[in-house]
Amino acid sequence: MHTLSVVLVALMALLHAYILVLEMFLWQRGPGRRFSGFDAEMARATASLAANQGLYNGFLAAGLVWGLIADDPTGYRVQIFFLSCIVVAGVYGAATANRRILFAQALPAAVSLAAVIAAG
């Protein structure tokens, strides 16, 4: 179970690093516009907001990496904290912005969180 939890946490870190790139650097280009569903004008108008969101996703990714490389009990606690943050952010995002965030962010984080707790 430990190996599964490490893989899932690493995948969550990669997902949030990818979201960082989309929101900070590709928001006004094809990949970012497909991600957001915005036309060129809306992407341009929201680029600074997206970059800010991307930065926060980068912090989540960094926290998960920290949790993977830190010795226990710190690493275990850090993973639980950051995965919990992602679940809360995903639920809030699904309720306020787009329902697909629940399935793309909150659900994978919840599964990862459950695996970390089970392995702990």
N, C-alpha and C. Protein backbone atom coordinates (compact mmCIF):
# COMPACT_ATOMS: atom_id res chain seq x y z
N MET A 1 0.82 -1.19 0.00
CA MET A 1 0.00 0.00 0.00
C MET A 1 0.87 1.26 0.00
N HIS A 2 2.04 1.17 0.62
CA HIS A 2 2.94 2.32 0.67
C HIS A 2 3.35 2.76 -0.74
N THR A 3 3.72 1.80 -1.58
CA THR A 3 4.13 2.14 -2.95
C THR A 3 2.99 2.80 -3.72
N LEU A 4 1.79 2.29 -3.57
CA LEU A 4 0.63 2.89 -4.22
C LEU A 4 0.42 4.32 -3.76
N SER A 5 0.54 4.57 -2.47
CA SER A 5 0.33 5.92 -1.96
C SER A 5 1.40 6.88 -2.50
N VAL A 6 2.63 6.41 -2.59
CA VAL A 6 3.71 7.25 -3.13
C VAL A 6 3.43 7.58 -4.59
N VAL A 7 3.03 6.60 -5.36
CA VAL A 7 2.72 6.82 -6.78
C VAL A 7 1.56 7.81 -6.93
N LEU A 8 0.52 7.64 -6.14
CA LEU A 8 -0.64 8.53 -6.24
C LEU A 8 -0.29 9.97 -5.84
N VAL A 9 0.49 10.12 -4.79
CA VAL A 9 0.91 11.47 -4.38
C VAL A 9 1.80 12.09 -5.45
N ALA A 10 2.69 11.32 -6.03
CA ALA A 10 3.54 11.84 -7.11
C ALA A 10 2.71 12.26 -8.31
N LEU A 11 1.69 11.46 -8.65
CA LEU A 11 0.81 11.83 -9.76
C LEU A 11 0.04 13.10 -9.46
N MET A 12 -0.39 13.29 -8.22
CA MET A 12 -1.08 14.53 -7.85
C MET A 12 -0.12 15.72 -7.96
N ALA A 13 1.12 15.53 -7.57
CA ALA A 13 2.11 16.60 -7.69
C ALA A 13 2.32 16.95 -9.17
N LEU A 14 2.42 15.95 -10.01
CA LEU A 14 2.57 16.19 -11.45
C LEU A 14 1.35 16.88 -12.04
N LEU A 15 0.16 16.47 -11.62
CA LEU A 15 -1.06 17.12 -12.09
C LEU A 15 -1.05 18.61 -11.75
N HIS A 16 -0.68 18.94 -10.54
CA HIS A 16 -0.70 20.34 -10.13
C HIS A 16 0.44 21.14 -10.75
N ALA A 17 1.55 20.49 -11.04
CA ALA A 17 2.61 21.17 -11.80
C ALA A 17 2.14 21.44 -13.23
N TYR A 18 1.43 20.50 -13.80
CA TYR A 18 0.87 20.68 -15.15
C TYR A 18 -0.16 21.82 -15.16
N ILE A 19 -1.01 21.87 -14.14
CA ILE A 19 -1.98 22.96 -14.06
C ILE A 19 -1.26 24.30 -13.91
N LEU A 20 -0.17 24.33 -13.15
CA LEU A 20 0.64 25.54 -13.04
C LEU A 20 1.07 26.02 -14.43
N VAL A 21 1.61 25.12 -15.23
CA VAL A 21 2.08 25.48 -16.57
C VAL A 21 0.93 25.98 -17.43
N LEU A 22 -0.20 25.28 -17.39
CA LEU A 22 -1.35 25.72 -18.18
C LEU A 22 -1.83 27.10 -17.77
N GLU A 23 -1.94 27.33 -16.47
CA GLU A 23 -2.51 28.59 -16.00
C GLU A 23 -1.53 29.76 -16.04
N MET A 24 -0.25 29.49 -15.85
CA MET A 24 0.72 30.59 -15.82
C MET A 24 1.32 30.90 -17.19
N PHE A 25 1.50 29.90 -18.01
CA PHE A 25 2.26 30.11 -19.24
C PHE A 25 1.49 29.83 -20.53
N LEU A 26 0.45 29.02 -20.46
CA LEU A 26 -0.26 28.63 -21.68
C LEU A 26 -1.72 29.09 -21.70
N TRP A 27 -2.10 29.94 -20.78
CA TRP A 27 -3.50 30.33 -20.63
C TRP A 27 -4.09 30.92 -21.90
N GLN A 28 -3.31 31.75 -22.60
CA GLN A 28 -3.81 32.42 -23.79
C GLN A 28 -3.52 31.65 -25.07
N ARG A 29 -2.86 30.52 -24.95
CA ARG A 29 -2.56 29.67 -26.11
C ARG A 29 -3.54 28.51 -26.15
N GLY A 30 -3.41 27.68 -27.17
CA GLY A 30 -4.33 26.57 -27.39
C GLY A 30 -4.56 25.68 -26.18
N PRO A 31 -3.50 25.14 -25.56
CA PRO A 31 -3.74 24.23 -24.42
C PRO A 31 -4.48 24.90 -23.26
N GLY A 32 -4.10 26.12 -22.94
CA GLY A 32 -4.76 26.83 -21.85
C GLY A 32 -6.19 27.19 -22.17
N ARG A 33 -6.44 27.57 -23.42
CA ARG A 33 -7.80 27.92 -23.81
C ARG A 33 -8.70 26.68 -23.85
N ARG A 34 -8.16 25.55 -24.27
CA ARG A 34 -8.95 24.30 -24.23
C ARG A 34 -9.23 23.91 -22.78
N PHE A 35 -8.25 24.11 -21.93
CA PHE A 35 -8.39 23.80 -20.51
C PHE A 35 -9.49 24.64 -19.87
N SER A 36 -9.50 25.92 -20.18
CA SER A 36 -10.46 26.84 -19.57
C SER A 36 -11.79 26.90 -20.33
N GLY A 37 -11.74 26.63 -21.63
CA GLY A 37 -12.93 26.78 -22.45
C GLY A 37 -13.19 28.22 -22.85
N PHE A 38 -12.20 29.10 -22.65
CA PHE A 38 -12.37 30.52 -22.94
C PHE A 38 -11.95 30.84 -24.36
N ASP A 39 -12.61 31.85 -24.94
CA ASP A 39 -12.16 32.37 -26.22
C ASP A 39 -10.95 33.28 -25.97
N ALA A 40 -10.34 33.78 -27.04
CA ALA A 40 -9.12 34.56 -26.92
C ALA A 40 -9.32 35.81 -26.06
N GLU A 41 -10.44 36.47 -26.23
CA GLU A 41 -10.70 37.70 -25.47
C GLU A 41 -10.82 37.42 -23.97
N MET A 42 -11.59 36.39 -23.62
CA MET A 42 -11.76 36.05 -22.21
C MET A 42 -10.44 35.55 -21.61
N ALA A 43 -9.68 34.78 -22.37
CA ALA A 43 -8.38 34.32 -21.88
C ALA A 43 -7.45 35.50 -21.60
N ARG A 44 -7.45 36.47 -22.48
CA ARG A 44 -6.62 37.66 -22.29
C ARG A 44 -7.08 38.42 -21.05
N ALA A 45 -8.39 38.56 -20.88
CA ALA A 45 -8.93 39.31 -19.76
C ALA A 45 -8.68 38.63 -18.41
N THR A 46 -8.56 37.32 -18.42
CA THR A 46 -8.40 36.58 -17.16
C THR A 46 -6.99 36.04 -16.95
N ALA A 47 -6.05 36.42 -17.79
CA ALA A 47 -4.70 35.86 -17.73
C ALA A 47 -4.02 36.09 -16.38
N SER A 48 -4.14 37.27 -15.82
CA SER A 48 -3.47 37.53 -14.53
C SER A 48 -4.13 36.73 -13.41
N LEU A 49 -5.44 36.55 -13.47
CA LEU A 49 -6.11 35.71 -12.47
C LEU A 49 -5.68 34.26 -12.59
N ALA A 50 -5.59 33.78 -13.83
CA ALA A 50 -5.15 32.40 -14.06
C ALA A 50 -3.72 32.19 -13.59
N ALA A 51 -2.86 33.17 -13.83
CA ALA A 51 -1.47 33.05 -13.38
C ALA A 51 -1.40 32.95 -11.86
N ASN A 52 -2.23 33.70 -11.18
CA ASN A 52 -2.28 33.63 -9.72
C ASN A 52 -2.73 32.25 -9.27
N GLN A 53 -3.76 31.72 -9.91
CA GLN A 53 -4.22 30.36 -9.59
C GLN A 53 -3.13 29.34 -9.87
N GLY A 54 -2.42 29.54 -10.98
CA GLY A 54 -1.33 28.63 -11.32
C GLY A 54 -0.25 28.61 -10.26
N LEU A 55 0.06 29.78 -9.73
CA LEU A 55 1.06 29.86 -8.67
C LEU A 55 0.63 29.04 -7.46
N TYR A 56 -0.63 29.14 -7.08
CA TYR A 56 -1.13 28.35 -5.96
C TYR A 56 -1.05 26.86 -6.25
N ASN A 57 -1.34 26.46 -7.48
CA ASN A 57 -1.21 25.05 -7.85
C ASN A 57 0.25 24.60 -7.75
N GLY A 58 1.16 25.49 -8.06
CA GLY A 58 2.59 25.19 -7.90
C GLY A 58 2.95 24.97 -6.44
N PHE A 59 2.37 25.78 -5.55
CA PHE A 59 2.62 25.57 -4.13
C PHE A 59 2.09 24.22 -3.66
N LEU A 60 0.93 23.81 -4.18
CA LEU A 60 0.40 22.49 -3.83
C LEU A 60 1.33 21.38 -4.33
N ALA A 61 1.81 21.51 -5.55
CA ALA A 61 2.74 20.52 -6.10
C ALA A 61 4.01 20.46 -5.26
N ALA A 62 4.54 21.63 -4.91
CA ALA A 62 5.77 21.67 -4.10
C ALA A 62 5.54 21.04 -2.73
N GLY A 63 4.39 21.29 -2.14
CA GLY A 63 4.09 20.69 -0.85
C GLY A 63 4.01 19.17 -0.92
N LEU A 64 3.42 18.66 -2.00
CA LEU A 64 3.35 17.21 -2.15
C LEU A 64 4.74 16.60 -2.35
N VAL A 65 5.57 17.27 -3.12
CA VAL A 65 6.95 16.78 -3.30
C VAL A 65 7.69 16.81 -1.96
N TRP A 66 7.52 17.87 -1.21
CA TRP A 66 8.11 17.96 0.12
C TRP A 66 7.65 16.77 0.97
N GLY A 67 6.36 16.47 0.92
CA GLY A 67 5.83 15.34 1.68
C GLY A 67 6.43 14.01 1.26
N LEU A 68 6.76 13.89 -0.01
CA LEU A 68 7.36 12.64 -0.50
C LEU A 68 8.81 12.49 -0.09
N ILE A 69 9.53 13.60 0.02
CA ILE A 69 10.97 13.49 0.31
C ILE A 69 11.32 13.68 1.78
N ALA A 70 10.40 14.23 2.56
CA ALA A 70 10.67 14.44 3.99
C ALA A 70 10.57 13.11 4.74
N ASP A 71 11.37 13.00 5.77
CA ASP A 71 11.30 11.83 6.64
C ASP A 71 9.98 11.84 7.41
N ASP A 72 9.51 10.66 7.75
CA ASP A 72 8.30 10.55 8.57
C ASP A 72 8.68 10.84 10.03
N PRO A 73 7.81 11.41 10.83
CA PRO A 73 6.39 11.62 10.56
C PRO A 73 6.08 12.89 9.77
N THR A 74 7.07 13.74 9.54
CA THR A 74 6.81 15.00 8.84
C THR A 74 6.26 14.76 7.44
N GLY A 75 6.88 13.89 6.66
CA GLY A 75 6.44 13.64 5.30
C GLY A 75 5.01 13.16 5.24
N TYR A 76 4.66 12.25 6.12
CA TYR A 76 3.28 11.73 6.19
C TYR A 76 2.30 12.86 6.50
N ARG A 77 2.63 13.68 7.46
CA ARG A 77 1.74 14.78 7.86
C ARG A 77 1.61 15.82 6.76
N VAL A 78 2.72 16.11 6.10
CA VAL A 78 2.69 17.09 5.01
C VAL A 78 1.83 16.58 3.86
N GLN A 79 1.96 15.31 3.53
CA GLN A 79 1.12 14.74 2.47
C GLN A 79 -0.36 14.85 2.83
N ILE A 80 -0.71 14.53 4.06
CA ILE A 80 -2.10 14.63 4.49
C ILE A 80 -2.58 16.07 4.42
N PHE A 81 -1.77 16.99 4.87
CA PHE A 81 -2.16 18.40 4.85
C PHE A 81 -2.42 18.88 3.42
N PHE A 82 -1.46 18.66 2.52
CA PHE A 82 -1.61 19.19 1.16
C PHE A 82 -2.69 18.46 0.37
N LEU A 83 -2.83 17.17 0.55
CA LEU A 83 -3.92 16.46 -0.12
C LEU A 83 -5.27 16.95 0.41
N SER A 84 -5.36 17.21 1.69
CA SER A 84 -6.61 17.76 2.26
C SER A 84 -6.90 19.13 1.68
N CYS A 85 -5.87 19.96 1.52
CA CYS A 85 -6.05 21.27 0.90
C CYS A 85 -6.59 21.13 -0.52
N ILE A 86 -6.08 20.17 -1.27
CA ILE A 86 -6.54 19.96 -2.65
C ILE A 86 -7.99 19.48 -2.66
N VAL A 87 -8.35 18.60 -1.75
CA VAL A 87 -9.74 18.14 -1.69
C VAL A 87 -10.66 19.33 -1.42
N VAL A 88 -10.32 20.16 -0.43
CA VAL A 88 -11.15 21.32 -0.09
C VAL A 88 -11.22 22.28 -1.27
N ALA A 89 -10.07 22.57 -1.89
CA ALA A 89 -10.06 23.48 -3.05
C ALA A 89 -10.88 22.91 -4.20
N GLY A 90 -10.79 21.61 -4.41
CA GLY A 90 -11.55 20.98 -5.48
C GLY A 90 -13.05 21.02 -5.25
N VAL A 91 -13.46 20.78 -4.02
CA VAL A 91 -14.89 20.84 -3.69
C VAL A 91 -15.39 22.27 -3.85
N TYR A 92 -14.62 23.23 -3.35
CA TYR A 92 -15.01 24.64 -3.47
C TYR A 92 -15.06 25.05 -4.94
N GLY A 93 -14.05 24.66 -5.70
CA GLY A 93 -14.03 24.99 -7.13
C GLY A 93 -15.20 24.37 -7.87
N ALA A 94 -15.56 23.17 -7.51
CA ALA A 94 -16.70 22.51 -8.16
C ALA A 94 -18.00 23.22 -7.82
N ALA A 95 -18.10 23.71 -6.60
CA ALA A 95 -19.33 24.39 -6.16
C ALA A 95 -19.44 25.80 -6.74
N THR A 96 -18.30 26.44 -7.00
CA THR A 96 -18.34 27.86 -7.39
C THR A 96 -17.94 28.12 -8.83
N ALA A 97 -17.20 27.22 -9.46
CA ALA A 97 -16.68 27.51 -10.79
C ALA A 97 -17.12 26.50 -11.84
N ASN A 98 -16.75 25.23 -11.63
CA ASN A 98 -17.02 24.22 -12.65
C ASN A 98 -17.08 22.85 -11.99
N ARG A 99 -18.17 22.14 -12.22
CA ARG A 99 -18.37 20.84 -11.57
C ARG A 99 -17.27 19.83 -11.91
N ARG A 100 -16.66 19.95 -13.08
CA ARG A 100 -15.63 18.96 -13.46
C ARG A 100 -14.42 19.01 -12.54
N ILE A 101 -14.22 20.11 -11.82
CA ILE A 101 -13.11 20.22 -10.87
C ILE A 101 -13.25 19.14 -9.79
N LEU A 102 -14.48 18.79 -9.46
CA LEU A 102 -14.70 17.76 -8.46
C LEU A 102 -14.06 16.44 -8.89
N PHE A 103 -14.20 16.11 -10.17
CA PHE A 103 -13.69 14.83 -10.68
C PHE A 103 -12.23 14.91 -11.11
N ALA A 104 -11.78 16.08 -11.51
CA ALA A 104 -10.41 16.23 -11.99
C ALA A 104 -9.42 16.53 -10.87
N GLN A 105 -9.91 17.09 -9.76
CA GLN A 105 -9.02 17.52 -8.70
C GLN A 105 -9.38 16.90 -7.35
N ALA A 106 -10.61 17.10 -6.90
CA ALA A 106 -10.98 16.66 -5.55
C ALA A 106 -11.01 15.13 -5.42
N LEU A 107 -11.61 14.45 -6.37
CA LEU A 107 -11.71 13.00 -6.28
C LEU A 107 -10.34 12.31 -6.31
N PRO A 108 -9.45 12.66 -7.27
CA PRO A 108 -8.12 12.04 -7.24
C PRO A 108 -7.35 12.35 -5.94
N ALA A 109 -7.52 13.55 -5.42
CA ALA A 109 -6.85 13.90 -4.16
C ALA A 109 -7.43 13.09 -3.00
N ALA A 110 -8.74 12.89 -3.01
CA ALA A 110 -9.37 12.10 -1.94
C ALA A 110 -8.91 10.64 -1.99
N VAL A 111 -8.80 10.09 -3.18
CA VAL A 111 -8.30 8.72 -3.33
C VAL A 111 -6.85 8.64 -2.85
N SER A 112 -6.04 9.62 -3.24
CA SER A 112 -4.65 9.66 -2.80
C SER A 112 -4.56 9.80 -1.29
N LEU A 113 -5.39 10.66 -0.72
CA LEU A 113 -5.42 10.85 0.73
C LEU A 113 -5.77 9.54 1.44
N ALA A 114 -6.77 8.85 0.93
CA ALA A 114 -7.16 7.57 1.52
C ALA A 114 -6.01 6.56 1.46
N ALA A 115 -5.29 6.55 0.35
CA ALA A 115 -4.15 5.63 0.21
C ALA A 115 -3.03 5.98 1.18
N VAL A 116 -2.77 7.27 1.35
CA VAL A 116 -1.72 7.70 2.30
C VAL A 116 -2.11 7.29 3.72
N ILE A 117 -3.35 7.54 4.08
CA ILE A 117 -3.81 7.18 5.44
C ILE A 117 -3.76 5.66 5.64
N ALA A 118 -4.20 4.90 4.65
CA ALA A 118 -4.17 3.44 4.76
C ALA A 118 -2.74 2.90 4.86
N ALA A 119 -1.81 3.57 4.18
CA ALA A 119 -0.41 3.13 4.22
C ALA A 119 0.29 3.56 5.50
N GLY A 120 -0.26 4.60 6.13
CA GLY A 120 0.37 5.18 7.32
C GLY A 120 0.38 4.26 8.47
